[in-house]
Amino acid sequence: MLKEAFHTFSMRFARLHSVKIKFFAAIAAVALVFIVVITSLNLFFYDSYYMAQRQRSLTDIYNEIRTSYHNQDVETLRNALFRIENSDSVRLSIVDSTGALIYDSDTSRSEGSPFGQNFFSNWKMEQLVRSALSAANREKLDAGGVDFVVVQMRDLHENFLCLVGKLGEDYLVERIPFAYMEQNSMFNSTFLLITGLITLLICLALSAVLASHFTRPLIEMGDVAKAMAKLDFSKKYEGRQTDEIGQLGDSLNLLSDHLEEAIRELRTSNQQLAREIEEKERIDAMRREFIVNVSHELKTPIALIQGYAEGLTAGVAESPEDRDFYCNTIAEEADRMNTMVTQLLSLSRLELGREIVHSEPVDLGECVRGVVEKTAVLRAGRGLQVSCTGQAVVNSDGRQVDQIIMNYMTNAIRYTPDGGRIELRVMAQPGGGARVEVFNEGDGVAEEELPKLWEKFYRTDKARSRASGGTGVGLSIVRASAQLLGGQCGAENVAGGIVFWLVLPGCVPAPAKLLTE
């Protein structure tokens, strides 16, 4: 449980450090900083900016009214005042040099005013105007400028921003209540806060979408890389981008292909190396076995020769009969060793491809009958029944063919019980070539031992090996000779005995180096 919990925590912690989360957090942070900066600028500098803009607006109004006032165009002035009061939310007052109110946006006009109607002034507005005039810098006004003053009306619990300027001999007082400006500022701040939150939410949503869009290819590449780490190269990046991410994906696919090819070649090389090592070990084992077998086969005749030679030297054989027996035994064992060495040399030449093939028409029927005649002395006194059937002619090496059939025949004679039957058959093959079979009665050979018959020094009956007179390399020579002639050889158990067969092509193929098994 603890291990699973730790794994779950690690996975969640890794997700927090993913590129997608970092990308989302970066965009969200930029949006948040942007909104915080705008909000801070609004909170700390908006009032000053708004005040400066309102002062500029009041100055523009003063310049417009002064122009109309100097032109003495009452109708134009009336329209300008009406428009300014309704569009700019500014209250205007015009007073003469004595402080008497000539015009005011919130009160009646005084009698005798140039606007054609008499009005009585409101004393609070007159107080506000007088306070503004008294607070204004007269030197600046006389110089043609304007002055901004703040008038506090305790009775009205209100403060006003006032612009004071001269209109010829009269004065213009423009006023805006601070409550109005603060209300505008509050509305602006509230709206900015709302729009900032909405903007932040929109930015967060967009950042989530963009993060998913830009990190999806990276996640796919990560899955491809994980598959490659597990030696699974079937997974590919399938994005269609043409930017740097797409190029990275293409490079990853190319790397996957190259790694797959390299690993495939490495596996092939390893398999080849394993086969070569196995073959080398097999050849070494065969070499060691060959040395052991040769040593074993030569040990007995050498020991006999040495023993009988020492007996002759020591004078053990005193009679002529004993000396003849000793000399004959030495000669037989020497001949046995000579036969074995000759066969081993012949087998080596065959396996190395150094044996020269002389292709000529070979009458297999005559060859079989010749072998039967040559081995008559080996069958003497045993009552063996031998028969030859069939006829075929092939282009091959007569000496090699005769040697193969001779090996088959001597083995058949050696392992056929007295009074048994041996059959030699020659059969022409469809399409050219021929098959030679040598059958002998007997117990046959165990199926698992049939492939081993062609190995050097292998005998099915180790106890009878010396008594039978064989060297153990005859069938190995048969196999090598058959391969040299482009044919095949084999053995199979049949009812009542065993058959050794040889298949020869119609003609000997081009010489080639023989591969040993």
Protein backbone atom coordinates (compact mmCIF):
# COMPACT_ATOMS: atom_id res chain seq x y z
CA MET A 1 0.00 0.00 0.00
CA LEU A 2 2.77 2.43 0.88
CA LYS A 3 4.53 1.66 -2.37
CA GLU A 4 1.35 2.31 -4.39
CA ALA A 5 0.69 5.55 -2.48
CA PHE A 6 4.25 6.74 -3.09
CA HIS A 7 3.95 5.87 -6.78
CA THR A 8 0.66 7.80 -7.03
CA PHE A 9 2.21 10.81 -5.29
CA SER A 10 5.23 10.67 -7.58
CA MET A 11 3.03 10.60 -10.66
CA ARG A 12 1.00 13.57 -9.47
CA PHE A 13 4.16 15.46 -8.57
CA ALA A 14 5.57 14.72 -12.03
CA ARG A 15 2.40 16.06 -13.63
CA LEU A 16 2.90 19.33 -11.76
CA HIS A 17 6.25 19.66 -13.48
CA SER A 18 4.94 18.80 -16.93
CA VAL A 19 5.45 21.16 -19.87
CA LYS A 20 1.69 21.57 -20.21
CA ILE A 21 1.33 22.86 -16.64
CA LYS A 22 4.35 25.11 -17.02
CA PHE A 23 3.06 26.51 -20.31
CA PHE A 24 -0.37 27.14 -18.78
CA ALA A 25 1.17 28.73 -15.68
CA ALA A 26 3.41 31.00 -17.80
CA ILE A 27 0.52 32.33 -19.88
CA ALA A 28 -1.67 32.72 -16.80
CA ALA A 29 1.13 34.56 -14.97
CA VAL A 30 1.64 36.94 -17.90
CA ALA A 31 -2.10 37.66 -18.04
CA LEU A 32 -2.26 38.14 -14.27
CA VAL A 33 0.74 40.48 -14.26
CA PHE A 34 -0.77 42.44 -17.14
CA ILE A 35 -4.05 42.88 -15.29
CA VAL A 36 -2.32 43.73 -12.00
CA VAL A 37 -0.21 46.38 -13.75
CA ILE A 38 -3.26 47.94 -15.39
CA THR A 39 -5.18 47.88 -12.09
CA SER A 40 -2.23 49.40 -10.20
CA LEU A 41 -1.80 52.16 -12.76
CA ASN A 42 -5.52 52.89 -12.53
CA LEU A 43 -5.49 52.98 -8.74
CA PHE A 44 -2.41 55.12 -8.35
CA PHE A 45 -2.44 57.36 -11.42
CA TYR A 46 -6.00 57.48 -12.70
CA ASP A 47 -7.08 60.30 -10.39
CA SER A 48 -4.17 62.52 -11.42
CA TYR A 49 -4.71 61.70 -15.07
CA TYR A 50 -8.46 62.30 -14.79
CA MET A 51 -7.90 65.62 -13.00
CA ALA A 52 -5.45 66.77 -15.66
CA GLN A 53 -7.88 65.82 -18.41
CA ARG A 54 -10.76 67.61 -16.70
CA GLN A 55 -8.62 70.75 -16.30
CA ARG A 56 -7.72 70.60 -19.98
CA SER A 57 -11.40 70.14 -20.88
CA LEU A 58 -12.36 73.13 -18.71
CA THR A 59 -9.65 75.19 -20.36
CA ASP A 60 -10.97 74.28 -23.81
CA ILE A 61 -14.49 75.30 -22.71
CA TYR A 62 -13.16 78.64 -21.43
CA ASN A 63 -11.42 79.34 -24.74
CA GLU A 64 -14.57 78.53 -26.71
CA ILE A 65 -16.80 80.76 -24.50
CA ARG A 66 -14.29 83.60 -24.54
CA THR A 67 -14.25 83.59 -28.33
CA SER A 68 -18.07 83.74 -28.53
CA TYR A 69 -18.20 86.36 -25.75
CA HIS A 70 -15.79 88.69 -27.53
CA ASN A 71 -17.76 88.38 -30.77
CA GLN A 72 -20.85 89.75 -28.95
CA ASP A 73 -22.97 87.10 -30.67
CA VAL A 74 -25.57 86.40 -27.98
CA GLU A 75 -27.33 83.62 -29.83
CA THR A 76 -24.08 81.79 -30.54
CA LEU A 77 -23.02 82.22 -26.92
CA ARG A 78 -26.40 80.95 -25.67
CA ASN A 79 -26.16 77.83 -27.85
CA ALA A 80 -22.56 77.19 -26.80
CA LEU A 81 -23.46 77.49 -23.11
CA PHE A 82 -26.45 75.18 -23.51
CA ARG A 83 -24.44 72.58 -25.39
CA ILE A 84 -21.52 72.66 -22.95
CA GLU A 85 -23.76 72.32 -19.91
CA ASN A 86 -25.52 69.26 -21.35
CA SER A 87 -22.62 67.49 -22.99
CA ASP A 88 -19.75 68.11 -20.57
CA SER A 89 -21.71 68.18 -17.28
CA VAL A 90 -20.10 71.52 -16.40
CA ARG A 91 -21.88 74.35 -14.57
CA LEU A 92 -21.04 77.87 -15.73
CA SER A 93 -21.28 81.26 -14.00
CA ILE A 94 -20.53 84.70 -15.48
CA VAL A 95 -20.06 87.64 -13.08
CA ASP A 96 -19.08 91.22 -13.59
CA SER A 97 -16.16 93.02 -12.08
CA THR A 98 -18.21 93.91 -8.98
CA GLY A 99 -19.07 90.26 -8.34
CA ALA A 100 -22.67 90.50 -9.48
CA LEU A 101 -23.95 87.29 -11.12
CA ILE A 102 -24.75 87.83 -14.80
CA TYR A 103 -25.43 84.21 -15.75
CA ASP A 104 -25.49 80.89 -13.92
CA SER A 105 -26.44 77.44 -15.08
CA ASP A 106 -28.37 76.63 -11.89
CA THR A 107 -30.01 80.00 -11.08
CA SER A 108 -32.11 82.71 -12.80
CA ARG A 109 -30.40 85.45 -14.73
CA SER A 110 -30.19 88.91 -13.19
CA GLU A 111 -32.27 91.83 -14.40
CA GLY A 112 -30.61 93.90 -17.06
CA SER A 113 -28.49 91.05 -18.32
CA PRO A 114 -27.66 90.97 -22.01
CA PHE A 115 -29.60 87.74 -22.36
CA GLY A 116 -32.94 89.57 -22.46
CA GLN A 117 -34.52 88.55 -19.12
CA ASN A 118 -34.11 89.48 -15.45
CA PHE A 119 -33.35 86.79 -12.88
CA PHE A 120 -32.62 86.75 -9.16
CA SER A 121 -29.47 84.94 -8.12
CA ASN A 122 -29.24 82.09 -5.68
CA TRP A 123 -27.21 83.17 -2.71
CA LYS A 124 -25.42 79.81 -2.36
CA MET A 125 -24.23 79.87 -5.91
CA GLU A 126 -23.17 83.46 -5.47
CA GLN A 127 -21.21 82.41 -2.42
CA LEU A 128 -19.53 79.62 -4.40
CA VAL A 129 -18.65 81.98 -7.22
CA ARG A 130 -17.34 84.68 -4.89
CA SER A 131 -15.23 82.09 -3.07
CA ALA A 132 -13.73 80.96 -6.37
CA LEU A 133 -13.02 84.55 -7.45
CA SER A 134 -11.46 85.43 -4.15
CA ALA A 135 -9.22 82.33 -4.25
CA ALA A 136 -8.11 82.87 -7.84
CA ASN A 137 -4.78 84.47 -8.70
CA ARG A 138 -5.77 87.86 -10.11
CA GLU A 139 -2.36 88.46 -11.66
CA LYS A 140 -2.67 85.24 -13.68
CA LEU A 141 -6.22 86.23 -14.69
CA ASP A 142 -5.17 89.72 -15.73
CA ALA A 143 -2.42 88.18 -17.83
CA GLY A 144 -5.10 86.32 -19.85
CA GLY A 145 -4.63 83.00 -18.16
CA VAL A 146 -6.88 80.83 -16.06
CA ASP A 147 -6.60 79.55 -12.53
CA PHE A 148 -7.94 76.37 -10.96
CA VAL A 149 -9.15 76.48 -7.38
CA VAL A 150 -10.92 74.07 -5.09
CA VAL A 151 -13.92 75.53 -3.22
CA GLN A 152 -15.35 73.74 -0.21
CA MET A 153 -19.06 74.31 0.47
CA ARG A 154 -19.68 73.25 4.06
CA ASP A 155 -23.40 73.80 3.86
CA LEU A 156 -23.67 71.59 0.79
CA HIS A 157 -21.08 69.11 2.12
CA GLU A 158 -19.44 69.24 -1.27
CA ASN A 159 -16.18 70.33 -2.85
CA PHE A 160 -15.93 71.84 -6.32
CA LEU A 161 -13.16 72.11 -8.87
CA CYS A 162 -13.47 75.60 -10.31
CA LEU A 163 -11.83 77.29 -13.30
CA VAL A 164 -11.69 81.08 -13.14
CA GLY A 165 -10.93 83.16 -16.23
CA LYS A 166 -11.63 86.65 -17.55
CA LEU A 167 -14.12 87.50 -20.30
CA GLY A 168 -13.15 91.07 -21.05
CA GLU A 169 -14.21 92.98 -17.91
CA ASP A 170 -16.29 90.02 -16.67
CA TYR A 171 -15.29 86.71 -15.17
CA LEU A 172 -16.18 83.13 -16.11
CA VAL A 173 -16.37 80.51 -13.37
CA GLU A 174 -16.66 76.84 -14.42
CA ARG A 175 -17.35 74.30 -11.70
CA ILE A 176 -17.54 70.51 -11.40
CA PRO A 177 -18.40 68.79 -8.13
CA PHE A 178 -15.78 66.41 -6.84
CA ALA A 179 -18.55 63.91 -6.07
CA TYR A 180 -19.28 63.66 -9.78
CA MET A 181 -15.61 63.04 -10.60
CA GLU A 182 -15.25 60.52 -7.77
CA GLN A 183 -18.37 58.75 -8.95
CA ASN A 184 -16.90 58.51 -12.47
CA SER A 185 -13.66 57.24 -11.00
CA MET A 186 -15.50 54.63 -8.94
CA PHE A 187 -17.52 53.48 -11.97
CA ASN A 188 -14.34 53.28 -14.01
CA SER A 189 -12.48 51.29 -11.33
CA THR A 190 -15.40 48.89 -10.88
CA PHE A 191 -15.73 48.36 -14.60
CA LEU A 192 -11.96 47.89 -14.91
CA LEU A 193 -12.04 45.29 -12.13
CA ILE A 194 -14.90 43.39 -13.80
CA THR A 195 -13.30 43.51 -17.23
CA GLY A 196 -9.97 42.50 -15.68
CA LEU A 197 -11.51 39.40 -14.09
CA ILE A 198 -13.30 38.50 -17.32
CA THR A 199 -10.07 39.03 -19.25
CA LEU A 200 -8.20 36.86 -16.77
CA LEU A 201 -10.74 34.04 -17.13
CA ILE A 202 -10.56 34.29 -20.92
CA CYS A 203 -6.75 34.24 -20.76
CA LEU A 204 -6.82 31.18 -18.49
CA ALA A 205 -9.14 29.36 -20.88
CA LEU A 206 -7.01 30.32 -23.88
CA SER A 207 -3.83 29.34 -22.05
CA ALA A 208 -5.32 25.91 -21.27
CA VAL A 209 -6.25 25.43 -24.93
CA LEU A 210 -2.88 26.68 -26.19
CA ALA A 211 -0.98 24.60 -23.63
CA SER A 212 -2.87 21.49 -24.70
CA HIS A 213 -2.33 22.34 -28.38
CA PHE A 214 1.41 22.95 -28.11
CA THR A 215 2.18 20.14 -25.65
CA ARG A 216 0.14 17.41 -27.37
CA PRO A 217 2.92 16.76 -29.93
CA LEU A 218 5.48 16.63 -27.12
CA ILE A 219 3.35 14.10 -25.23
CA GLU A 220 3.08 11.99 -28.39
CA MET A 221 6.85 12.18 -28.86
CA GLY A 222 7.28 11.13 -25.23
CA ASP A 223 5.13 8.05 -25.85
CA VAL A 224 7.21 7.24 -28.96
CA ALA A 225 10.43 7.61 -26.95
CA LYS A 226 9.08 5.32 -24.19
CA ALA A 227 8.17 2.71 -26.81
CA MET A 228 11.67 3.01 -28.29
CA ALA A 229 13.14 2.47 -24.83
CA LYS A 230 11.22 -0.84 -24.72
CA LEU A 231 12.59 -1.71 -28.22
CA ASP A 232 9.15 -1.22 -29.76
CA PHE A 233 9.71 0.73 -32.97
CA SER A 234 6.21 0.28 -34.41
CA LYS A 235 4.96 3.47 -32.74
CA LYS A 236 5.59 6.61 -34.81
CA TYR A 237 4.92 10.32 -34.40
CA GLU A 238 2.06 11.18 -36.75
CA GLY A 239 1.91 14.97 -36.40
CA ARG A 240 1.65 17.11 -39.53
CA GLN A 241 3.29 20.29 -38.27
CA THR A 242 5.92 21.94 -40.45
CA ASP A 243 7.48 23.99 -37.66
CA GLU A 244 10.32 23.06 -35.31
CA ILE A 245 8.07 20.63 -33.40
CA GLY A 246 7.19 18.84 -36.63
CA GLN A 247 10.87 18.68 -37.57
CA LEU A 248 11.64 17.23 -34.13
CA GLY A 249 8.94 14.59 -34.65
CA ASP A 250 10.36 13.69 -38.07
CA SER A 251 13.82 13.41 -36.55
CA LEU A 252 12.43 11.13 -33.84
CA ASN A 253 10.81 8.88 -36.47
CA LEU A 254 14.08 8.80 -38.42
CA LEU A 255 15.97 7.92 -35.25
CA SER A 256 13.45 5.15 -34.55
CA ASP A 257 13.94 3.70 -38.04
CA HIS A 258 17.73 3.84 -37.75
CA LEU A 259 17.69 2.26 -34.29
CA GLU A 260 15.35 -0.48 -35.50
CA GLU A 261 17.64 -1.20 -38.44
CA ALA A 262 20.75 -1.10 -36.25
CA ILE A 263 19.22 -3.43 -33.64
CA ARG A 264 17.99 -5.77 -36.37
CA GLU A 265 21.50 -5.89 -37.84
CA LEU A 266 22.95 -6.36 -34.35
CA ARG A 267 20.57 -9.23 -33.66
CA THR A 268 21.44 -10.78 -37.00
CA SER A 269 25.14 -10.38 -36.22
CA ASN A 270 24.64 -11.88 -32.77
CA GLN A 271 22.76 -14.83 -34.23
CA GLN A 272 25.47 -15.28 -36.85
CA LEU A 273 28.13 -15.05 -34.17
CA ALA A 274 26.23 -17.52 -31.98
CA ARG A 275 25.99 -19.94 -34.90
CA GLU A 276 29.68 -19.50 -35.65
CA ILE A 277 30.58 -20.06 -32.01
CA GLU A 278 28.32 -23.09 -31.88
CA GLU A 279 29.85 -24.42 -35.10
CA LYS A 280 33.35 -23.77 -33.78
CA GLU A 281 32.52 -25.56 -30.56
CA ARG A 282 31.04 -28.44 -32.54
CA ILE A 283 34.12 -28.64 -34.77
CA ASP A 284 36.39 -28.50 -31.70
CA ALA A 285 34.36 -31.26 -30.10
CA MET A 286 34.58 -33.29 -33.30
CA ARG A 287 38.30 -32.67 -33.45
CA ARG A 288 38.76 -33.81 -29.86
CA GLU A 289 36.51 -36.80 -30.46
CA PHE A 290 38.41 -37.61 -33.65
CA ILE A 291 41.72 -37.52 -31.81
CA VAL A 292 40.32 -39.72 -29.05
CA ASN A 293 38.85 -42.15 -31.56
CA VAL A 294 42.03 -42.36 -33.65
CA SER A 295 44.09 -42.83 -30.53
CA HIS A 296 41.73 -45.53 -29.35
CA GLU A 297 41.74 -47.30 -32.72
CA LEU A 298 45.52 -47.19 -33.03
CA LYS A 299 46.26 -48.06 -29.41
CA THR A 300 45.35 -51.75 -29.72
CA PRO A 301 47.29 -52.55 -32.93
CA ILE A 302 50.30 -50.59 -31.70
CA ALA A 303 50.22 -52.44 -28.39
CA LEU A 304 49.95 -55.79 -30.19
CA ILE A 305 52.79 -54.95 -32.54
CA GLN A 306 54.94 -53.76 -29.66
CA GLY A 307 54.16 -56.85 -27.57
CA TYR A 308 54.78 -59.34 -30.32
CA ALA A 309 57.94 -57.52 -31.45
CA GLU A 310 59.29 -57.61 -27.89
CA GLY A 311 58.40 -61.30 -27.71
CA LEU A 312 60.37 -61.99 -30.86
CA THR A 313 63.29 -59.93 -29.57
CA ALA A 314 63.24 -61.77 -26.24
CA GLY A 315 63.15 -65.16 -28.00
CA VAL A 316 59.78 -66.13 -26.59
CA ALA A 317 58.73 -67.69 -29.93
CA GLU A 318 61.22 -70.51 -30.26
CA SER A 319 59.50 -72.68 -32.82
CA PRO A 320 59.03 -71.61 -36.46
CA GLU A 321 55.24 -71.87 -36.03
CA ASP A 322 55.27 -69.42 -33.11
CA ARG A 323 57.56 -67.03 -34.97
CA ASP A 324 55.25 -67.18 -38.01
CA PHE A 325 52.26 -66.49 -35.78
CA TYR A 326 53.99 -63.48 -34.18
CA CYS A 327 55.08 -62.13 -37.57
CA ASN A 328 51.64 -62.63 -39.13
CA THR A 329 49.95 -60.82 -36.20
CA ILE A 330 52.37 -57.93 -36.52
CA ALA A 331 51.72 -57.75 -40.26
CA GLU A 332 47.92 -57.88 -39.83
CA GLU A 333 47.93 -55.10 -37.25
CA ALA A 334 50.25 -53.00 -39.37
CA ASP A 335 47.95 -53.56 -42.34
CA ARG A 336 44.95 -52.57 -40.18
CA MET A 337 46.69 -49.31 -39.21
CA ASN A 338 47.68 -48.68 -42.79
CA THR A 339 44.09 -49.20 -43.94
CA MET A 340 42.80 -46.81 -41.29
CA VAL A 341 45.36 -44.13 -42.13
CA THR A 342 44.65 -44.53 -45.84
CA GLN A 343 40.92 -44.17 -45.26
CA LEU A 344 41.41 -41.12 -43.04
CA LEU A 345 43.57 -39.48 -45.69
CA SER A 346 40.99 -40.28 -48.34
CA LEU A 347 38.22 -38.86 -46.14
CA SER A 348 40.24 -35.69 -45.53
CA ARG A 349 40.79 -35.18 -49.26
CA LEU A 350 37.08 -35.65 -49.89
CA GLU A 351 36.01 -33.25 -47.15
CA LEU A 352 38.51 -30.60 -48.27
CA GLY A 353 37.39 -30.93 -51.89
CA ARG A 354 40.84 -31.99 -53.05
CA GLU A 355 39.70 -35.22 -54.62
CA ILE A 356 39.64 -34.99 -58.44
CA VAL A 357 36.50 -36.34 -60.12
CA HIS A 358 36.89 -38.09 -63.46
CA SER A 359 33.49 -38.13 -65.13
CA GLU A 360 32.82 -41.08 -67.43
CA PRO A 361 29.90 -43.35 -68.31
CA VAL A 362 29.45 -45.82 -65.45
CA ASP A 363 27.38 -48.97 -65.87
CA LEU A 364 25.99 -49.41 -62.37
CA GLY A 365 24.80 -52.98 -63.08
CA GLU A 366 28.31 -54.06 -64.01
CA CYS A 367 29.73 -52.13 -61.05
CA VAL A 368 27.40 -53.93 -58.61
CA ARG A 369 28.22 -57.33 -60.07
CA GLY A 370 31.95 -56.54 -59.88
CA VAL A 371 31.67 -55.71 -56.20
CA VAL A 372 29.82 -58.98 -55.57
CA GLU A 373 32.67 -60.89 -57.23
CA LYS A 374 35.36 -59.01 -55.32
CA THR A 375 33.75 -59.76 -51.96
CA ALA A 376 33.23 -63.44 -52.61
CA VAL A 377 36.19 -64.32 -50.42
CA LEU A 378 34.62 -62.41 -47.51
CA ARG A 379 31.43 -64.50 -47.78
CA ALA A 380 33.19 -67.82 -48.01
CA GLY A 381 31.91 -70.41 -45.57
CA ARG A 382 28.99 -68.30 -44.26
CA GLY A 383 26.24 -69.40 -46.62
CA LEU A 384 25.12 -65.90 -47.53
CA GLN A 385 22.60 -65.49 -50.39
CA VAL A 386 23.48 -62.56 -52.69
CA SER A 387 21.37 -61.30 -55.62
CA CYS A 388 21.84 -58.42 -58.10
CA THR A 389 19.03 -56.79 -60.11
CA GLY A 390 18.60 -53.71 -62.32
CA GLN A 391 20.61 -51.77 -64.87
CA ALA A 392 21.42 -48.04 -65.32
CA VAL A 393 24.19 -45.89 -66.79
CA VAL A 394 25.26 -42.49 -65.39
CA ASN A 395 28.10 -40.08 -66.08
CA SER A 396 30.11 -40.16 -62.87
CA ASP A 397 33.44 -41.20 -61.34
CA GLY A 398 33.61 -45.00 -61.54
CA ARG A 399 36.27 -45.29 -58.84
CA GLN A 400 34.24 -43.30 -56.31
CA VAL A 401 31.04 -45.20 -57.15
CA ASP A 402 32.83 -48.53 -56.82
CA GLN A 403 34.24 -47.46 -53.44
CA ILE A 404 30.78 -46.48 -52.15
CA ILE A 405 29.15 -49.77 -53.22
CA MET A 406 32.13 -51.70 -51.84
CA ASN A 407 31.68 -50.03 -48.42
CA TYR A 408 27.96 -50.86 -48.47
CA MET A 409 28.70 -54.47 -49.44
CA THR A 410 31.42 -55.06 -46.84
CA ASN A 411 29.14 -53.65 -44.12
CA ALA A 412 26.30 -55.89 -45.31
CA ILE A 413 28.56 -58.94 -45.21
CA ARG A 414 29.92 -57.95 -41.79
CA TYR A 415 26.51 -57.56 -40.12
CA THR A 416 24.42 -60.20 -41.96
CA PRO A 417 23.97 -63.38 -39.94
CA ASP A 418 25.23 -66.67 -41.45
CA GLY A 419 22.84 -68.00 -44.06
CA GLY A 420 21.23 -64.56 -44.43
CA ARG A 421 20.24 -62.71 -47.58
CA ILE A 422 21.87 -59.71 -49.31
CA GLU A 423 20.21 -57.92 -52.23
CA LEU A 424 21.79 -55.29 -54.51
CA ARG A 425 19.33 -53.32 -56.66
CA VAL A 426 19.94 -50.71 -59.38
CA MET A 427 16.99 -48.49 -60.43
CA ALA A 428 16.91 -45.76 -63.06
CA GLN A 429 15.40 -42.49 -61.77
CA PRO A 430 12.76 -40.46 -63.66
CA GLY A 431 14.40 -37.46 -65.30
CA GLY A 432 17.88 -38.97 -65.23
CA GLY A 433 20.16 -40.44 -62.59
CA ALA A 434 19.96 -43.74 -60.75
CA ARG A 435 19.42 -45.26 -57.30
CA VAL A 436 21.51 -48.09 -55.85
CA GLU A 437 20.23 -50.05 -52.85
CA VAL A 438 22.05 -52.65 -50.73
CA PHE A 439 19.76 -54.67 -48.46
CA ASN A 440 20.90 -57.12 -45.83
CA GLU A 441 18.93 -59.22 -43.38
CA GLY A 442 19.45 -58.58 -39.72
CA ASP A 443 18.11 -56.79 -36.68
CA GLY A 444 18.40 -53.32 -38.23
CA VAL A 445 19.48 -50.19 -36.33
CA ALA A 446 17.59 -48.12 -33.77
CA GLU A 447 15.92 -45.15 -35.49
CA GLU A 448 17.71 -42.60 -33.30
CA GLU A 449 21.07 -44.12 -34.31
CA LEU A 450 20.52 -44.02 -38.08
CA PRO A 451 21.80 -40.41 -38.53
CA LYS A 452 24.87 -41.26 -36.41
CA LEU A 453 26.01 -44.05 -38.73
CA TRP A 454 27.68 -41.47 -40.97
CA GLU A 455 29.84 -40.03 -38.18
CA LYS A 456 33.49 -40.97 -37.98
CA PHE A 457 34.30 -43.97 -35.74
CA TYR A 458 30.66 -44.48 -34.77
CA ARG A 459 29.60 -48.12 -34.33
CA THR A 460 26.27 -49.40 -33.14
CA ASP A 461 27.92 -52.33 -31.32
CA LYS A 462 31.06 -51.20 -29.53
CA ALA A 463 31.80 -54.71 -28.26
CA ARG A 464 31.99 -56.16 -31.80
CA SER A 465 33.94 -53.30 -33.32
CA ARG A 466 37.28 -55.02 -33.39
CA ALA A 467 35.95 -58.46 -34.14
CA SER A 468 34.06 -57.16 -37.17
CA GLY A 469 37.24 -55.72 -38.61
CA GLY A 470 35.82 -52.31 -39.46
CA THR A 471 37.65 -49.03 -38.98
CA GLY A 472 34.55 -46.86 -38.32
CA VAL A 473 35.18 -44.40 -41.14
CA GLY A 474 33.74 -46.30 -44.11
CA LEU A 475 30.28 -44.68 -44.06
CA SER A 476 31.85 -41.26 -43.48
CA ILE A 477 33.78 -41.80 -46.72
CA VAL A 478 30.52 -42.85 -48.43
CA ARG A 479 28.80 -39.62 -47.39
CA ALA A 480 31.72 -37.43 -48.50
CA SER A 481 32.00 -39.28 -51.83
CA ALA A 482 28.24 -38.99 -52.48
CA GLN A 483 28.36 -35.25 -51.87
CA LEU A 484 31.38 -34.92 -54.14
CA LEU A 485 29.47 -36.67 -56.92
CA GLY A 486 26.42 -34.44 -56.37
CA GLY A 487 24.36 -37.33 -55.02
CA GLN A 488 22.76 -38.35 -51.74
CA CYS A 489 23.05 -41.32 -49.45
CA GLY A 490 21.12 -42.71 -46.52
CA ALA A 491 19.93 -45.72 -44.53
CA GLU A 492 16.49 -46.89 -43.42
CA ASN A 493 15.06 -49.86 -41.60
CA VAL A 494 12.79 -52.16 -43.63
CA ALA A 495 10.99 -55.40 -42.93
CA GLY A 496 13.56 -58.07 -42.13
CA GLY A 497 16.65 -55.87 -42.20
CA ILE A 498 18.15 -52.55 -43.29
CA VAL A 499 18.73 -50.80 -46.66
CA PHE A 500 21.63 -48.49 -47.50
CA TRP A 501 20.92 -46.41 -50.61
CA LEU A 502 22.76 -44.07 -52.98
CA VAL A 503 21.17 -41.63 -55.43
CA LEU A 504 23.39 -40.35 -58.27
CA PRO A 505 22.56 -37.60 -60.76
CA GLY A 506 22.74 -38.16 -64.50
CA CYS A 507 26.14 -36.48 -64.61
CA VAL A 508 28.64 -35.11 -62.10
CA PRO A 509 28.10 -31.38 -61.35
CA ALA A 510 30.86 -28.78 -61.49
CA PRO A 511 33.52 -29.34 -58.80
CA ALA A 512 32.82 -27.52 -55.57
CA LYS A 513 34.41 -27.51 -52.16
CA LEU A 514 32.63 -30.00 -49.93
CA LEU A 515 31.08 -28.68 -46.70
CA THR A 516 31.63 -31.03 -43.80
CA GLU A 517 28.97 -31.68 -41.20
